[in-house]
Amino acid sequence: MERLHLLMRDGRYEEAEAGARALEVEAGGLRKRGRGMSVAWHAKALATAVACAHGRGARVLAELETLTAELSGITGSGRRLLLVIRSNHMLALNSVGRYAEAEAEGLEVLRDLTRLKHLAPVWDIELCVLDNLVDALCGQDRHEEAEAVARGNLPRAAEGTVAALHCGLVRSLNGQGRYDEALAEARRLTPGWDRALAGSLGLGTAVALHGLGRRGEAEAAVREALADCEKSLHPDHPRIREARTLLARLTSDDLVEGE
């Protein structure tokens, strides 16, 4: 299982998911004899997490809901696994535009995390939930609230969550029409490579440039972001649709100006 987590961390999503699915099948045979239940749950949780990171959250949404139901009421270390699964459920809900449901899920998970903090380290799950919450709030055009969540938690974020929350901050500023600030924030960070965030900062940069009327620069930025997304993410990833929509708007604007 540790090897599979390392594959996911390295962005080798296809290998990680295939390995997790194989392990789930193997554990399923033991499960019939009363063993392997925990291994099967962990394997399925990892497989669905990889799918969400890759941009296939919609395809595993039902699977995440079934897994959540199976683990409801679990005690001990399994409670941490359940909260990870529910965080990924938020991500999947966001990917299909069910932002209010994702927000409600996130607020429940944050309450549950508060009750678990004295038993196990859960700060990493909490930051992932907060990042997903930023996206859910932006999806509902509640950009000021999203900004507050992102800014309030960036100082204590670490590794991948720093870049994710920073991208959320840029998105929230763009949503408020504060394009100068969004552009400054986007250019302030040079995140380490993270396949799940491919094209995110570039897309935020392009939106800000477009908002400032700098269409040529915006088009170059969105083309670069789109190429990054298409290279790194599944074709179903919502970020690819966002980038294509913005590119179509920019090229349409250019045509109108040229008439």
Protein backbone atom coordinates (compact mmCIF):
# COMPACT_ATOMS: atom_id res chain seq x y z
CA MET A 1 0.00 0.00 0.00
CA GLU A 2 2.87 2.37 0.78
CA ARG A 3 4.27 1.88 -2.73
CA LEU A 4 0.90 2.81 -4.21
CA HIS A 5 0.75 5.99 -2.13
CA LEU A 6 4.21 6.92 -3.40
CA LEU A 7 3.10 6.36 -6.99
CA MET A 8 0.15 8.69 -6.42
CA ARG A 9 2.38 11.31 -4.80
CA ASP A 10 4.70 11.12 -7.82
CA GLY A 11 1.76 11.74 -10.18
CA ARG A 12 1.80 8.21 -11.59
CA TYR A 13 -1.96 8.01 -11.32
CA GLU A 14 -2.63 5.24 -13.81
CA GLU A 15 -0.17 2.88 -12.11
CA ALA A 16 -1.42 3.78 -8.64
CA GLU A 17 -5.06 3.20 -9.50
CA ALA A 18 -4.38 -0.06 -11.34
CA GLY A 19 -2.38 -1.33 -8.36
CA ALA A 20 -5.08 -0.29 -5.90
CA ARG A 21 -7.81 -1.99 -7.94
CA ALA A 22 -5.76 -5.19 -8.12
CA LEU A 23 -5.21 -5.10 -4.37
CA GLU A 24 -8.92 -4.53 -3.81
CA VAL A 25 -9.76 -7.62 -5.84
CA GLU A 26 -7.17 -9.67 -3.98
CA ALA A 27 -8.47 -8.49 -0.61
CA GLY A 28 -12.01 -9.23 -1.75
CA GLY A 29 -11.20 -12.93 -1.84
CA LEU A 30 -10.01 -12.82 1.76
CA ARG A 31 -13.06 -10.76 2.65
CA LYS A 32 -15.35 -13.65 1.79
CA ARG A 33 -13.60 -15.66 4.49
CA GLY A 34 -13.95 -12.86 7.05
CA ARG A 35 -10.54 -11.30 6.44
CA GLY A 36 -9.15 -8.53 4.28
CA MET A 37 -11.99 -6.09 4.97
CA SER A 38 -9.65 -3.29 6.05
CA VAL A 39 -7.29 -3.87 3.13
CA ALA A 40 -10.17 -3.78 0.64
CA TRP A 41 -11.46 -0.51 2.10
CA HIS A 42 -8.03 1.12 2.02
CA ALA A 43 -7.42 -0.06 -1.54
CA LYS A 44 -10.77 1.26 -2.76
CA ALA A 45 -10.22 4.53 -0.91
CA LEU A 46 -6.86 4.98 -2.65
CA ALA A 47 -8.26 4.07 -6.07
CA THR A 48 -11.08 6.60 -5.76
CA ALA A 49 -8.68 9.27 -4.43
CA VAL A 50 -6.44 8.80 -7.47
CA ALA A 51 -9.45 9.00 -9.79
CA CYS A 52 -10.52 12.29 -8.20
CA ALA A 53 -7.02 13.76 -8.47
CA HIS A 54 -6.88 12.73 -12.13
CA GLY A 55 -10.21 14.43 -12.86
CA ARG A 56 -12.56 11.45 -12.90
CA GLY A 57 -14.46 12.32 -9.75
CA ALA A 58 -17.81 12.05 -11.51
CA ARG A 59 -17.10 8.43 -12.41
CA VAL A 60 -16.38 7.36 -8.83
CA LEU A 61 -19.02 9.48 -7.09
CA ALA A 62 -21.39 6.54 -6.52
CA GLU A 63 -18.48 4.37 -5.39
CA LEU A 64 -17.45 6.98 -2.81
CA GLU A 65 -21.01 7.18 -1.50
CA THR A 66 -21.20 3.39 -1.16
CA LEU A 67 -17.85 3.32 0.62
CA THR A 68 -18.98 6.08 3.00
CA ALA A 69 -22.11 4.10 3.86
CA GLU A 70 -20.09 0.93 4.47
CA LEU A 71 -17.76 2.73 6.87
CA SER A 72 -20.39 4.76 8.73
CA GLY A 73 -20.21 4.09 12.44
CA ILE A 74 -16.68 2.68 12.23
CA THR A 75 -14.45 3.24 15.25
CA GLY A 76 -10.72 3.44 15.87
CA SER A 77 -8.27 4.17 13.05
CA GLY A 78 -11.00 3.53 10.50
CA ARG A 79 -12.55 6.88 11.41
CA ARG A 80 -9.57 8.65 9.84
CA LEU A 81 -10.01 6.66 6.63
CA LEU A 82 -13.70 7.58 6.53
CA LEU A 83 -12.87 11.29 6.77
CA VAL A 84 -10.35 10.98 3.91
CA ILE A 85 -13.05 9.33 1.80
CA ARG A 86 -15.53 12.08 2.63
CA SER A 87 -12.98 14.73 1.66
CA ASN A 88 -12.63 13.02 -1.72
CA HIS A 89 -16.41 12.89 -1.92
CA MET A 90 -16.37 16.70 -1.64
CA LEU A 91 -13.90 16.85 -4.52
CA ALA A 92 -16.12 14.61 -6.65
CA LEU A 93 -19.21 16.70 -5.84
CA ASN A 94 -17.37 19.87 -6.84
CA SER A 95 -16.34 18.27 -10.12
CA VAL A 96 -20.00 17.83 -11.13
CA GLY A 97 -21.10 21.27 -9.91
CA ARG A 98 -22.90 20.12 -6.76
CA TYR A 99 -21.23 22.86 -4.75
CA ALA A 100 -23.82 23.31 -2.00
CA GLU A 101 -23.70 19.58 -1.21
CA ALA A 102 -19.90 19.69 -1.18
CA GLU A 103 -20.00 22.61 1.25
CA ALA A 104 -22.44 20.80 3.57
CA GLU A 105 -20.25 17.67 3.49
CA GLY A 106 -17.16 19.74 4.27
CA LEU A 107 -18.70 21.48 7.25
CA GLU A 108 -19.77 18.12 8.69
CA VAL A 109 -16.30 16.67 8.16
CA LEU A 110 -14.68 19.67 9.88
CA ARG A 111 -16.94 19.12 12.91
CA ASP A 112 -16.00 15.43 12.97
CA LEU A 113 -12.32 16.30 12.71
CA THR A 114 -12.60 18.51 15.77
CA ARG A 115 -13.83 15.52 17.76
CA LEU A 116 -10.99 13.33 16.44
CA LYS A 117 -8.04 15.70 16.90
CA HIS A 118 -7.19 14.40 20.37
CA LEU A 119 -6.97 10.82 19.04
CA ALA A 120 -4.97 11.14 15.82
CA PRO A 121 -3.14 13.73 13.68
CA VAL A 122 -5.69 15.00 11.19
CA TRP A 123 -4.32 18.41 10.13
CA ASP A 124 -3.58 17.11 6.61
CA ILE A 125 -7.18 15.96 6.12
CA GLU A 126 -8.44 19.25 7.53
CA LEU A 127 -6.41 21.28 5.02
CA CYS A 128 -7.65 19.15 2.12
CA VAL A 129 -11.24 19.67 3.27
CA LEU A 130 -10.66 23.43 3.54
CA ASP A 131 -9.18 23.51 0.04
CA ASN A 132 -12.25 21.69 -1.28
CA LEU A 133 -14.42 24.13 0.67
CA VAL A 134 -12.76 27.08 -1.12
CA ASP A 135 -13.74 25.52 -4.45
CA ALA A 136 -17.28 24.86 -3.25
CA LEU A 137 -17.69 28.48 -2.13
CA CYS A 138 -16.26 29.84 -5.39
CA GLY A 139 -18.65 27.57 -7.28
CA GLN A 140 -21.51 29.31 -5.48
CA ASP A 141 -20.07 32.78 -6.25
CA ARG A 142 -19.29 33.32 -2.56
CA HIS A 143 -15.82 34.54 -3.38
CA GLU A 144 -15.30 36.73 -0.31
CA GLU A 145 -15.89 33.74 1.96
CA ALA A 146 -13.61 31.61 -0.19
CA GLU A 147 -10.88 34.23 0.09
CA ALA A 148 -11.21 34.27 3.88
CA VAL A 149 -10.86 30.47 4.09
CA ALA A 150 -7.85 30.43 1.75
CA ARG A 151 -6.02 33.33 3.40
CA GLY A 152 -6.78 32.12 6.90
CA ASN A 153 -5.27 28.70 6.33
CA LEU A 154 -2.34 29.37 3.99
CA PRO A 155 0.06 30.19 6.86
CA ARG A 156 -0.28 26.69 8.32
CA ALA A 157 -0.47 24.78 5.05
CA ALA A 158 2.37 22.53 3.93
CA GLU A 159 3.59 20.95 0.72
CA GLY A 160 0.81 20.41 -1.84
CA THR A 161 -1.88 22.19 0.15
CA VAL A 162 0.04 25.48 -0.07
CA ALA A 163 -0.22 25.48 -3.86
CA ALA A 164 -3.83 24.27 -3.83
CA LEU A 165 -5.00 26.95 -1.38
CA HIS A 166 -3.01 29.58 -3.27
CA CYS A 167 -4.77 28.64 -6.51
CA GLY A 168 -8.06 28.90 -4.64
CA LEU A 169 -7.09 32.36 -3.43
CA VAL A 170 -6.34 33.49 -7.00
CA ARG A 171 -9.71 32.13 -8.13
CA SER A 172 -11.54 33.92 -5.31
CA LEU A 173 -9.88 37.24 -6.18
CA ASN A 174 -10.76 36.85 -9.85
CA GLY A 175 -14.33 36.10 -8.81
CA GLN A 176 -14.47 39.45 -7.04
CA GLY A 177 -13.08 41.30 -10.05
CA ARG A 178 -9.85 42.10 -8.20
CA TYR A 179 -7.74 41.18 -11.19
CA ASP A 180 -4.61 43.15 -10.29
CA GLU A 181 -4.41 41.37 -6.94
CA ALA A 182 -5.18 37.99 -8.52
CA LEU A 183 -2.41 38.45 -11.08
CA ALA A 184 0.07 39.50 -8.39
CA GLU A 185 -0.80 36.45 -6.29
CA ALA A 186 -0.58 34.13 -9.29
CA ARG A 187 2.88 35.42 -10.15
CA ARG A 188 4.08 35.39 -6.56
CA LEU A 189 4.03 31.59 -6.32
CA THR A 190 6.11 29.12 -8.28
CA PRO A 191 4.72 25.82 -7.01
CA GLY A 192 6.51 22.53 -7.23
CA TRP A 193 5.20 20.08 -9.79
CA ASP A 194 1.84 18.59 -8.81
CA ARG A 195 -0.06 16.74 -11.51
CA ALA A 196 -3.43 17.34 -9.84
CA LEU A 197 -2.87 21.12 -10.07
CA ALA A 198 -1.78 21.09 -13.71
CA GLY A 199 -2.88 24.29 -15.44
CA SER A 200 -4.62 25.69 -12.37
CA LEU A 201 -2.36 28.66 -11.69
CA GLY A 202 -1.98 29.34 -15.41
CA LEU A 203 -5.75 29.42 -15.82
CA GLY A 204 -6.07 31.84 -12.91
CA THR A 205 -3.40 34.02 -14.53
CA ALA A 206 -5.28 33.99 -17.84
CA VAL A 207 -8.58 34.97 -16.17
CA ALA A 208 -6.86 37.89 -14.43
CA LEU A 209 -5.19 39.09 -17.64
CA HIS A 210 -8.49 38.86 -19.50
CA GLY A 211 -10.18 40.86 -16.75
CA LEU A 212 -7.49 43.53 -17.15
CA GLY A 213 -8.11 43.70 -20.89
CA ARG A 214 -4.73 42.19 -21.77
CA ARG A 215 -6.18 39.73 -24.26
CA GLY A 216 -3.03 38.75 -26.10
CA GLU A 217 -1.27 37.81 -22.88
CA ALA A 218 -4.43 36.11 -21.61
CA GLU A 219 -4.69 33.98 -24.75
CA ALA A 220 -1.04 32.92 -24.49
CA ALA A 221 -1.52 32.05 -20.80
CA VAL A 222 -4.69 30.03 -21.35
CA ARG A 223 -3.18 28.12 -24.28
CA GLU A 224 -0.25 27.16 -22.08
CA ALA A 225 -2.57 26.18 -19.24
CA LEU A 226 -4.74 24.11 -21.57
CA ALA A 227 -1.71 22.29 -22.97
CA ASP A 228 -0.58 21.53 -19.42
CA CYS A 229 -4.05 20.22 -18.52
CA GLU A 230 -4.37 18.06 -21.63
CA LYS A 231 -0.93 16.57 -21.03
CA SER A 232 -1.44 15.80 -17.33
CA LEU A 233 -5.15 15.33 -16.64
CA HIS A 234 -7.96 13.07 -17.78
CA PRO A 235 -10.05 14.51 -20.66
CA ASP A 236 -13.07 14.67 -18.32
CA HIS A 237 -11.33 17.03 -15.88
CA PRO A 238 -13.47 20.17 -15.36
CA ARG A 239 -10.35 22.37 -15.56
CA ILE A 240 -9.94 21.38 -19.21
CA ARG A 241 -13.50 22.55 -19.92
CA GLU A 242 -12.81 25.83 -18.09
CA ALA A 243 -9.67 26.46 -20.11
CA ARG A 244 -11.37 25.66 -23.42
CA THR A 245 -14.31 27.91 -22.54
CA LEU A 246 -12.00 30.82 -21.74
CA LEU A 247 -9.95 30.25 -24.91
CA ALA A 248 -13.13 30.22 -27.00
CA ARG A 249 -14.24 33.49 -25.38
CA LEU A 250 -10.88 35.13 -26.03
CA THR A 251 -10.68 34.05 -29.66
CA SER A 252 -14.30 35.11 -30.16
CA ASP A 253 -13.47 38.54 -28.70
CA ASP A 254 -10.52 38.79 -31.09
CA LEU A 255 -12.77 38.00 -34.07
CA VAL A 256 -15.30 40.65 -33.01
CA GLU A 257 -12.54 43.23 -32.64
CA GLY A 258 -11.15 42.37 -36.08
CA GLU A 259 -14.44 42.90 -37.90
